[in-house]
N, C-alpha and C. Protein backbone atom coordinates (compact mmCIF):
# COMPACT_ATOMS: atom_id res chain seq x y z
N TYR A 1 -2.59 44.77 143.70
CA TYR A 1 -3.45 44.53 142.56
C TYR A 1 -2.66 44.68 141.28
N VAL A 2 -3.08 43.96 140.24
CA VAL A 2 -2.37 43.96 138.96
C VAL A 2 -3.38 44.19 137.85
N THR A 3 -3.06 45.12 136.95
CA THR A 3 -3.90 45.27 135.77
C THR A 3 -3.34 44.36 134.68
N LEU A 4 -4.21 43.97 133.78
CA LEU A 4 -3.80 43.00 132.76
C LEU A 4 -4.71 43.14 131.55
N VAL A 5 -4.12 43.06 130.39
CA VAL A 5 -4.88 42.83 129.17
C VAL A 5 -4.22 41.63 128.50
N ALA A 6 -5.02 40.61 128.24
CA ALA A 6 -4.52 39.40 127.59
C ALA A 6 -5.22 39.27 126.24
N MET A 7 -4.42 39.01 125.21
CA MET A 7 -4.98 38.91 123.86
C MET A 7 -4.47 37.64 123.19
N VAL A 8 -5.37 36.96 122.51
CA VAL A 8 -5.01 35.78 121.73
C VAL A 8 -5.39 36.07 120.29
N LEU A 9 -4.40 36.04 119.43
CA LEU A 9 -4.59 36.35 118.02
C LEU A 9 -4.76 35.06 117.22
N ASP A 10 -5.84 34.97 116.48
CA ASP A 10 -6.04 33.86 115.55
C ASP A 10 -5.76 34.42 114.15
N HIS A 11 -4.56 34.16 113.66
CA HIS A 11 -4.15 34.76 112.38
C HIS A 11 -4.80 34.08 111.18
N THR A 12 -5.44 32.94 111.35
CA THR A 12 -6.14 32.32 110.21
C THR A 12 -7.56 32.84 110.09
N ARG A 13 -8.19 33.12 111.22
CA ARG A 13 -9.56 33.67 111.20
C ARG A 13 -9.57 35.19 111.28
N HIS A 14 -8.41 35.78 111.52
CA HIS A 14 -8.26 37.23 111.67
C HIS A 14 -9.14 37.76 112.79
N THR A 15 -9.07 37.06 113.94
CA THR A 15 -9.81 37.51 115.12
C THR A 15 -8.84 37.69 116.28
N LEU A 16 -9.27 38.49 117.22
CA LEU A 16 -8.50 38.76 118.41
C LEU A 16 -9.43 38.57 119.60
N THR A 17 -9.05 37.69 120.52
CA THR A 17 -9.84 37.47 121.73
C THR A 17 -9.12 38.18 122.87
N VAL A 18 -9.88 38.99 123.61
CA VAL A 18 -9.30 39.89 124.60
C VAL A 18 -10.00 39.74 125.95
N VAL A 19 -9.21 39.74 127.02
CA VAL A 19 -9.71 39.83 128.39
C VAL A 19 -9.01 41.03 129.02
N ASN A 20 -9.77 41.88 129.70
CA ASN A 20 -9.20 43.08 130.30
C ASN A 20 -9.52 43.13 131.79
N ALA A 21 -8.47 43.29 132.58
CA ALA A 21 -8.61 43.38 134.04
C ALA A 21 -8.03 44.70 134.51
N GLY A 22 -8.80 45.76 134.41
CA GLY A 22 -8.39 47.07 134.91
C GLY A 22 -7.32 47.78 134.12
N HIS A 23 -7.02 47.31 132.95
CA HIS A 23 -5.98 47.89 132.10
C HIS A 23 -6.62 48.86 131.11
N PRO A 24 -5.88 49.85 130.61
CA PRO A 24 -6.46 50.69 129.54
C PRO A 24 -6.85 49.81 128.35
N SER A 25 -8.00 50.08 127.78
CA SER A 25 -8.44 49.30 126.63
C SER A 25 -7.49 49.52 125.46
N PRO A 26 -7.08 48.44 124.80
CA PRO A 26 -6.31 48.62 123.56
C PRO A 26 -7.13 49.44 122.57
N LYS A 27 -6.45 50.13 121.68
CA LYS A 27 -7.11 50.94 120.65
C LYS A 27 -6.99 50.23 119.31
N ARG A 28 -8.04 50.39 118.51
CA ARG A 28 -7.99 49.84 117.15
C ARG A 28 -8.21 50.98 116.17
N HIS A 29 -7.27 51.09 115.22
CA HIS A 29 -7.43 52.04 114.12
C HIS A 29 -7.89 51.25 112.91
N ARG A 30 -9.03 51.65 112.37
CA ARG A 30 -9.58 51.00 111.18
C ARG A 30 -9.14 51.78 109.94
N ALA A 31 -8.31 51.17 109.15
CA ALA A 31 -7.80 51.84 107.96
C ALA A 31 -8.92 52.16 106.97
N ALA A 32 -9.93 51.30 106.90
CA ALA A 32 -11.02 51.51 105.93
C ALA A 32 -11.82 52.77 106.21
N THR A 33 -11.95 53.14 107.50
CA THR A 33 -12.76 54.31 107.86
C THR A 33 -11.94 55.44 108.45
N GLY A 34 -10.71 55.15 108.87
CA GLY A 34 -9.89 56.15 109.53
C GLY A 34 -10.26 56.35 110.99
N ALA A 35 -11.16 55.53 111.52
CA ALA A 35 -11.64 55.69 112.89
C ALA A 35 -10.71 55.01 113.89
N LEU A 36 -10.52 55.68 115.02
CA LEU A 36 -9.78 55.12 116.14
C LEU A 36 -10.76 54.98 117.30
N ALA A 37 -10.78 53.80 117.93
CA ALA A 37 -11.71 53.57 119.04
C ALA A 37 -11.14 52.54 119.98
N ASP A 38 -11.70 52.50 121.19
CA ASP A 38 -11.35 51.44 122.12
C ASP A 38 -11.69 50.10 121.48
N LEU A 39 -10.83 49.13 121.65
CA LEU A 39 -11.08 47.80 121.12
C LEU A 39 -12.25 47.15 121.84
N LEU A 40 -12.38 47.45 123.14
CA LEU A 40 -13.45 46.89 123.96
C LEU A 40 -14.36 47.98 124.48
N ALA A 41 -15.63 47.67 124.62
CA ALA A 41 -16.55 48.58 125.26
C ALA A 41 -16.16 48.72 126.73
N THR A 42 -16.48 49.84 127.33
CA THR A 42 -16.11 50.11 128.72
C THR A 42 -16.56 49.00 129.67
N ASP A 43 -17.75 48.47 129.43
CA ASP A 43 -18.28 47.44 130.33
C ASP A 43 -17.75 46.04 130.02
N ALA A 44 -16.88 45.90 129.04
CA ALA A 44 -16.35 44.58 128.67
C ALA A 44 -15.16 44.17 129.53
N GLY A 45 -14.60 45.11 130.27
CA GLY A 45 -13.46 44.80 131.12
C GLY A 45 -13.90 44.54 132.55
N GLY A 46 -12.93 44.32 133.39
CA GLY A 46 -13.20 44.09 134.79
C GLY A 46 -12.20 44.81 135.65
N PRO A 47 -12.29 44.63 136.96
CA PRO A 47 -11.36 45.30 137.88
C PRO A 47 -9.97 44.65 137.82
N PRO A 48 -8.97 45.32 138.39
CA PRO A 48 -7.63 44.71 138.45
C PRO A 48 -7.69 43.34 139.13
N LEU A 49 -6.76 42.48 138.74
CA LEU A 49 -6.69 41.15 139.35
C LEU A 49 -6.45 41.30 140.85
N GLY A 50 -7.18 40.51 141.64
CA GLY A 50 -7.05 40.54 143.08
C GLY A 50 -8.02 41.47 143.77
N TRP A 51 -8.66 42.35 143.02
CA TRP A 51 -9.62 43.31 143.59
C TRP A 51 -10.85 42.58 144.10
N ASN A 52 -11.36 41.67 143.27
CA ASN A 52 -12.53 40.87 143.63
C ASN A 52 -12.26 39.47 143.11
N ARG A 53 -11.87 38.58 143.99
CA ARG A 53 -11.43 37.26 143.55
C ARG A 53 -12.53 36.44 142.87
N ASP A 54 -13.78 36.81 143.03
CA ASP A 54 -14.88 36.08 142.41
C ASP A 54 -15.40 36.76 141.14
N TYR A 55 -14.71 37.79 140.67
CA TYR A 55 -15.20 38.50 139.48
C TYR A 55 -15.15 37.59 138.25
N PRO A 56 -16.25 37.53 137.50
CA PRO A 56 -16.31 36.66 136.31
C PRO A 56 -15.79 37.38 135.04
N TYR A 57 -14.50 37.39 134.85
CA TYR A 57 -13.95 38.04 133.65
C TYR A 57 -14.46 37.32 132.41
N THR A 58 -14.74 38.09 131.37
CA THR A 58 -15.21 37.50 130.12
C THR A 58 -14.27 37.87 128.99
N ALA A 59 -14.15 36.96 128.06
CA ALA A 59 -13.35 37.19 126.87
C ALA A 59 -14.26 37.72 125.76
N VAL A 60 -13.75 38.68 125.03
CA VAL A 60 -14.48 39.27 123.90
C VAL A 60 -13.65 39.00 122.65
N THR A 61 -14.30 38.52 121.59
CA THR A 61 -13.60 38.27 120.33
C THR A 61 -14.03 39.31 119.32
N VAL A 62 -13.05 39.95 118.69
CA VAL A 62 -13.32 40.96 117.66
C VAL A 62 -12.63 40.55 116.37
N ALA A 63 -13.22 40.94 115.26
CA ALA A 63 -12.63 40.67 113.94
C ALA A 63 -11.66 41.78 113.57
N LEU A 64 -10.55 41.40 112.97
CA LEU A 64 -9.61 42.38 112.44
C LEU A 64 -9.81 42.46 110.93
N GLU A 65 -10.06 43.65 110.46
CA GLU A 65 -10.26 43.87 109.03
C GLU A 65 -8.91 44.18 108.38
N PRO A 66 -8.82 44.05 107.06
CA PRO A 66 -7.56 44.35 106.38
C PRO A 66 -7.03 45.73 106.75
N ASN A 67 -5.76 45.79 107.09
CA ASN A 67 -5.02 47.01 107.41
C ASN A 67 -5.40 47.65 108.74
N ASP A 68 -6.21 46.96 109.58
CA ASP A 68 -6.47 47.44 110.94
C ASP A 68 -5.17 47.38 111.74
N THR A 69 -5.01 48.31 112.66
CA THR A 69 -3.87 48.32 113.58
C THR A 69 -4.41 48.35 115.00
N VAL A 70 -3.90 47.48 115.85
CA VAL A 70 -4.29 47.42 117.26
C VAL A 70 -3.07 47.81 118.08
N THR A 71 -3.28 48.68 119.07
CA THR A 71 -2.19 49.08 119.96
C THR A 71 -2.65 48.96 121.40
N ALA A 72 -1.89 48.20 122.17
CA ALA A 72 -2.11 48.08 123.61
C ALA A 72 -0.97 48.82 124.30
N PHE A 73 -1.30 49.49 125.41
CA PHE A 73 -0.28 50.26 126.12
C PHE A 73 -0.64 50.34 127.59
N THR A 74 0.36 50.56 128.41
CA THR A 74 0.13 50.70 129.84
C THR A 74 -0.29 52.14 130.16
N ASP A 75 -0.84 52.33 131.37
CA ASP A 75 -1.28 53.67 131.75
C ASP A 75 -0.10 54.63 131.93
N GLY A 76 1.12 54.09 132.00
CA GLY A 76 2.29 54.95 132.06
C GLY A 76 2.48 55.77 130.79
N VAL A 77 1.84 55.35 129.71
CA VAL A 77 1.89 56.10 128.45
C VAL A 77 1.02 57.35 128.57
N SER A 78 -0.25 57.18 128.84
CA SER A 78 -1.16 58.33 128.91
C SER A 78 -0.90 59.21 130.13
N GLU A 79 -0.32 58.64 131.19
CA GLU A 79 -0.07 59.39 132.41
C GLU A 79 1.36 59.91 132.53
N ALA A 80 2.15 59.81 131.45
CA ALA A 80 3.51 60.35 131.47
C ALA A 80 3.45 61.86 131.71
N LEU A 81 4.34 62.35 132.56
CA LEU A 81 4.35 63.77 132.93
C LEU A 81 5.51 64.50 132.28
N SER A 82 5.22 65.70 131.78
CA SER A 82 6.25 66.56 131.21
C SER A 82 7.07 67.16 132.36
N PRO A 83 8.17 67.84 132.05
CA PRO A 83 8.95 68.50 133.11
C PRO A 83 8.12 69.53 133.89
N HIS A 84 7.04 70.04 133.30
CA HIS A 84 6.17 71.02 133.97
C HIS A 84 4.96 70.38 134.64
N GLY A 85 4.89 69.03 134.61
CA GLY A 85 3.81 68.33 135.30
C GLY A 85 2.56 68.10 134.47
N ALA A 86 2.60 68.35 133.16
CA ALA A 86 1.43 68.12 132.30
C ALA A 86 1.36 66.65 131.89
N LEU A 87 0.15 66.07 131.95
CA LEU A 87 -0.05 64.70 131.49
C LEU A 87 0.08 64.61 129.98
N PHE A 88 0.59 63.49 129.49
CA PHE A 88 0.60 63.24 128.05
C PHE A 88 -0.85 63.16 127.58
N GLY A 89 -1.67 62.37 128.25
CA GLY A 89 -3.12 62.37 128.05
C GLY A 89 -3.64 61.51 126.93
N ASP A 90 -4.94 61.25 127.02
CA ASP A 90 -5.63 60.41 126.04
C ASP A 90 -5.69 61.04 124.65
N ALA A 91 -5.83 62.36 124.59
CA ALA A 91 -5.90 63.03 123.28
C ALA A 91 -4.58 62.88 122.52
N ALA A 92 -3.46 62.99 123.23
CA ALA A 92 -2.16 62.82 122.58
C ALA A 92 -1.96 61.38 122.13
N VAL A 93 -2.43 60.43 122.95
CA VAL A 93 -2.36 59.02 122.53
C VAL A 93 -3.15 58.84 121.24
N ALA A 94 -4.36 59.38 121.19
CA ALA A 94 -5.21 59.24 120.00
C ALA A 94 -4.55 59.86 118.76
N ARG A 95 -3.92 61.03 118.92
CA ARG A 95 -3.24 61.65 117.77
C ARG A 95 -2.13 60.74 117.25
N CYS A 96 -1.39 60.14 118.16
CA CYS A 96 -0.27 59.27 117.75
C CYS A 96 -0.73 57.99 117.09
N LEU A 97 -1.92 57.51 117.47
CA LEU A 97 -2.42 56.24 116.96
C LEU A 97 -3.31 56.39 115.74
N THR A 98 -3.45 57.61 115.23
CA THR A 98 -4.26 57.86 114.05
C THR A 98 -3.33 58.26 112.91
N PRO A 99 -2.86 57.27 112.15
CA PRO A 99 -1.91 57.56 111.07
C PRO A 99 -2.61 58.17 109.86
N ALA A 100 -1.80 58.64 108.95
CA ALA A 100 -2.33 59.19 107.70
C ALA A 100 -3.03 58.06 106.92
N PRO A 101 -4.03 58.43 106.11
CA PRO A 101 -4.72 57.40 105.31
C PRO A 101 -3.74 56.64 104.42
N LEU A 102 -4.05 55.37 104.19
CA LEU A 102 -3.20 54.53 103.34
C LEU A 102 -3.45 54.80 101.87
N SER A 103 -2.38 54.90 101.11
CA SER A 103 -2.54 54.96 99.65
C SER A 103 -2.33 53.56 99.07
N ALA A 104 -1.69 52.70 99.87
CA ALA A 104 -1.45 51.31 99.49
C ALA A 104 -1.26 50.52 100.78
N PRO A 105 -1.52 49.22 100.75
CA PRO A 105 -1.28 48.41 101.95
C PRO A 105 0.15 48.58 102.46
N ASP A 106 0.30 48.68 103.77
CA ASP A 106 1.61 48.92 104.36
C ASP A 106 1.85 47.98 105.53
N PRO A 107 2.63 46.90 105.34
CA PRO A 107 2.88 45.97 106.43
C PRO A 107 3.69 46.58 107.56
N GLY A 108 4.33 47.71 107.33
CA GLY A 108 5.12 48.37 108.36
C GLY A 108 4.32 49.34 109.21
N ARG A 109 3.04 49.48 108.93
CA ARG A 109 2.23 50.45 109.66
C ARG A 109 2.20 50.22 111.17
N PRO A 110 1.99 49.00 111.66
CA PRO A 110 1.99 48.81 113.12
C PRO A 110 3.31 49.24 113.78
N THR A 111 4.42 48.97 113.13
CA THR A 111 5.71 49.39 113.66
C THR A 111 5.79 50.91 113.72
N ALA A 112 5.35 51.56 112.66
CA ALA A 112 5.39 53.03 112.60
C ALA A 112 4.48 53.64 113.66
N VAL A 113 3.29 53.08 113.85
CA VAL A 113 2.35 53.61 114.84
C VAL A 113 2.91 53.46 116.25
N GLY A 114 3.43 52.27 116.57
CA GLY A 114 4.01 52.05 117.89
C GLY A 114 5.21 52.94 118.14
N SER A 115 6.06 53.09 117.14
CA SER A 115 7.24 53.96 117.27
C SER A 115 6.84 55.41 117.43
N ASN A 116 5.83 55.84 116.70
CA ASN A 116 5.34 57.22 116.80
C ASN A 116 4.86 57.52 118.23
N LEU A 117 4.10 56.59 118.81
CA LEU A 117 3.62 56.78 120.18
C LEU A 117 4.78 56.81 121.16
N ARG A 118 5.69 55.86 121.05
CA ARG A 118 6.85 55.81 121.95
C ARG A 118 7.66 57.10 121.87
N ASN A 119 7.96 57.54 120.67
CA ASN A 119 8.77 58.74 120.50
C ASN A 119 8.08 59.98 121.06
N ALA A 120 6.77 60.07 120.87
CA ALA A 120 6.02 61.22 121.39
C ALA A 120 6.01 61.24 122.92
N VAL A 121 5.86 60.07 123.53
CA VAL A 121 5.86 59.99 125.00
C VAL A 121 7.22 60.42 125.54
N TYR A 122 8.30 59.92 124.97
CA TYR A 122 9.62 60.28 125.48
C TYR A 122 9.96 61.74 125.21
N LYS A 123 9.47 62.28 124.12
CA LYS A 123 9.65 63.71 123.87
C LYS A 123 8.89 64.52 124.92
N HIS A 124 7.68 64.07 125.25
CA HIS A 124 6.86 64.74 126.26
C HIS A 124 7.55 64.69 127.63
N LEU A 125 8.14 63.56 127.99
CA LEU A 125 8.84 63.43 129.26
C LEU A 125 10.01 64.41 129.35
N GLY A 126 10.68 64.64 128.23
CA GLY A 126 11.84 65.53 128.23
C GLY A 126 12.86 65.07 129.25
N SER A 127 13.26 65.96 130.12
CA SER A 127 14.27 65.65 131.13
C SER A 127 13.68 65.04 132.40
N ARG A 128 12.36 64.94 132.45
CA ARG A 128 11.73 64.39 133.66
C ARG A 128 11.91 62.87 133.69
N PRO A 129 12.29 62.31 134.84
CA PRO A 129 12.42 60.86 134.93
C PRO A 129 11.06 60.17 134.77
N GLN A 130 11.09 59.02 134.17
CA GLN A 130 9.89 58.19 134.00
C GLN A 130 9.43 57.72 135.38
N THR A 131 8.13 57.85 135.70
CA THR A 131 7.62 57.47 137.01
C THR A 131 6.75 56.22 137.00
N ASP A 132 6.46 55.70 135.83
CA ASP A 132 5.62 54.51 135.71
C ASP A 132 6.12 53.71 134.50
N ASP A 133 5.68 52.45 134.44
CA ASP A 133 6.09 51.64 133.30
C ASP A 133 5.49 52.20 132.02
N ILE A 134 6.23 52.07 130.94
CA ILE A 134 5.78 52.47 129.61
C ILE A 134 5.98 51.28 128.70
N ALA A 135 4.88 50.64 128.34
CA ALA A 135 4.93 49.48 127.46
C ALA A 135 3.92 49.68 126.34
N ILE A 136 4.33 49.36 125.13
CA ILE A 136 3.48 49.52 123.95
C ILE A 136 3.64 48.29 123.07
N VAL A 137 2.52 47.72 122.65
CA VAL A 137 2.51 46.61 121.69
C VAL A 137 1.57 47.02 120.57
N SER A 138 2.07 46.98 119.35
CA SER A 138 1.26 47.38 118.20
C SER A 138 1.36 46.30 117.13
N PHE A 139 0.22 45.91 116.59
CA PHE A 139 0.19 44.90 115.54
C PHE A 139 -1.01 45.14 114.65
N GLY A 140 -1.04 44.47 113.51
CA GLY A 140 -2.15 44.71 112.61
C GLY A 140 -2.31 43.61 111.58
N ARG A 141 -3.38 43.73 110.85
CA ARG A 141 -3.67 42.79 109.77
C ARG A 141 -3.31 43.45 108.45
N TRP A 142 -2.50 42.76 107.70
CA TRP A 142 -2.11 43.24 106.40
C TRP A 142 -3.21 42.91 105.40
N ASP A 143 -3.24 43.63 104.31
CA ASP A 143 -4.24 43.45 103.27
C ASP A 143 -4.24 42.00 102.77
N PRO A 144 -5.40 41.32 102.80
CA PRO A 144 -5.44 39.91 102.38
C PRO A 144 -5.17 39.70 100.90
N GLU A 145 -5.21 40.76 100.11
CA GLU A 145 -4.94 40.63 98.67
C GLU A 145 -3.45 40.66 98.37
N SER A 146 -2.64 40.93 99.39
CA SER A 146 -1.20 41.01 99.16
C SER A 146 -0.60 39.60 99.07
N ASP A 147 0.69 39.55 98.78
CA ASP A 147 1.39 38.27 98.69
C ASP A 147 1.61 37.63 100.05
N HIS A 148 1.56 38.41 101.11
CA HIS A 148 1.84 37.93 102.46
C HIS A 148 0.59 38.10 103.32
N GLN A 149 -0.20 37.04 103.44
CA GLN A 149 -1.44 37.12 104.22
C GLN A 149 -1.14 36.76 105.67
N THR A 150 -0.57 37.70 106.37
CA THR A 150 -0.14 37.45 107.73
C THR A 150 -0.44 38.63 108.62
N THR A 151 -0.26 38.45 109.88
CA THR A 151 -0.40 39.53 110.84
C THR A 151 0.98 39.98 111.24
N VAL A 152 1.18 41.28 111.29
CA VAL A 152 2.48 41.86 111.57
C VAL A 152 2.47 42.42 112.98
N MET A 153 3.51 42.12 113.75
CA MET A 153 3.62 42.64 115.12
C MET A 153 4.88 43.48 115.28
N HIS A 154 4.80 44.44 116.19
CA HIS A 154 5.99 45.25 116.58
C HIS A 154 6.08 45.23 118.08
């Protein structure tokens, strides 16, 4: 079986269409409110590919607001084990993906958020060998009032 999250970004409409097949839900940090939440509701995903060949996966489209940051990651991130066997865990992921409030639009924020999560996971692993894949993709919408009305990816 294979887990999968597939995302299609429409940078002109500032929307993201997502299909989830047994993968951890990407997280969205809303700069306007400071809130971090799953990008998709729990019931919006489906089982891993191959689990039920007739499962009707559905795509969900969400709007990205100015300065939102979206981060997708594999379960090897939250399930990374320290040398003493402690999980990195969902709470640590949330702390890493909740940046300080913006004082000004920052096109480098997705890069900083993704790097912060990666560095924290590897620090947590310490000398313990990695036992699962660790993949992180972080991107966001820059403030539309800026000179560069684009989506930034890391």
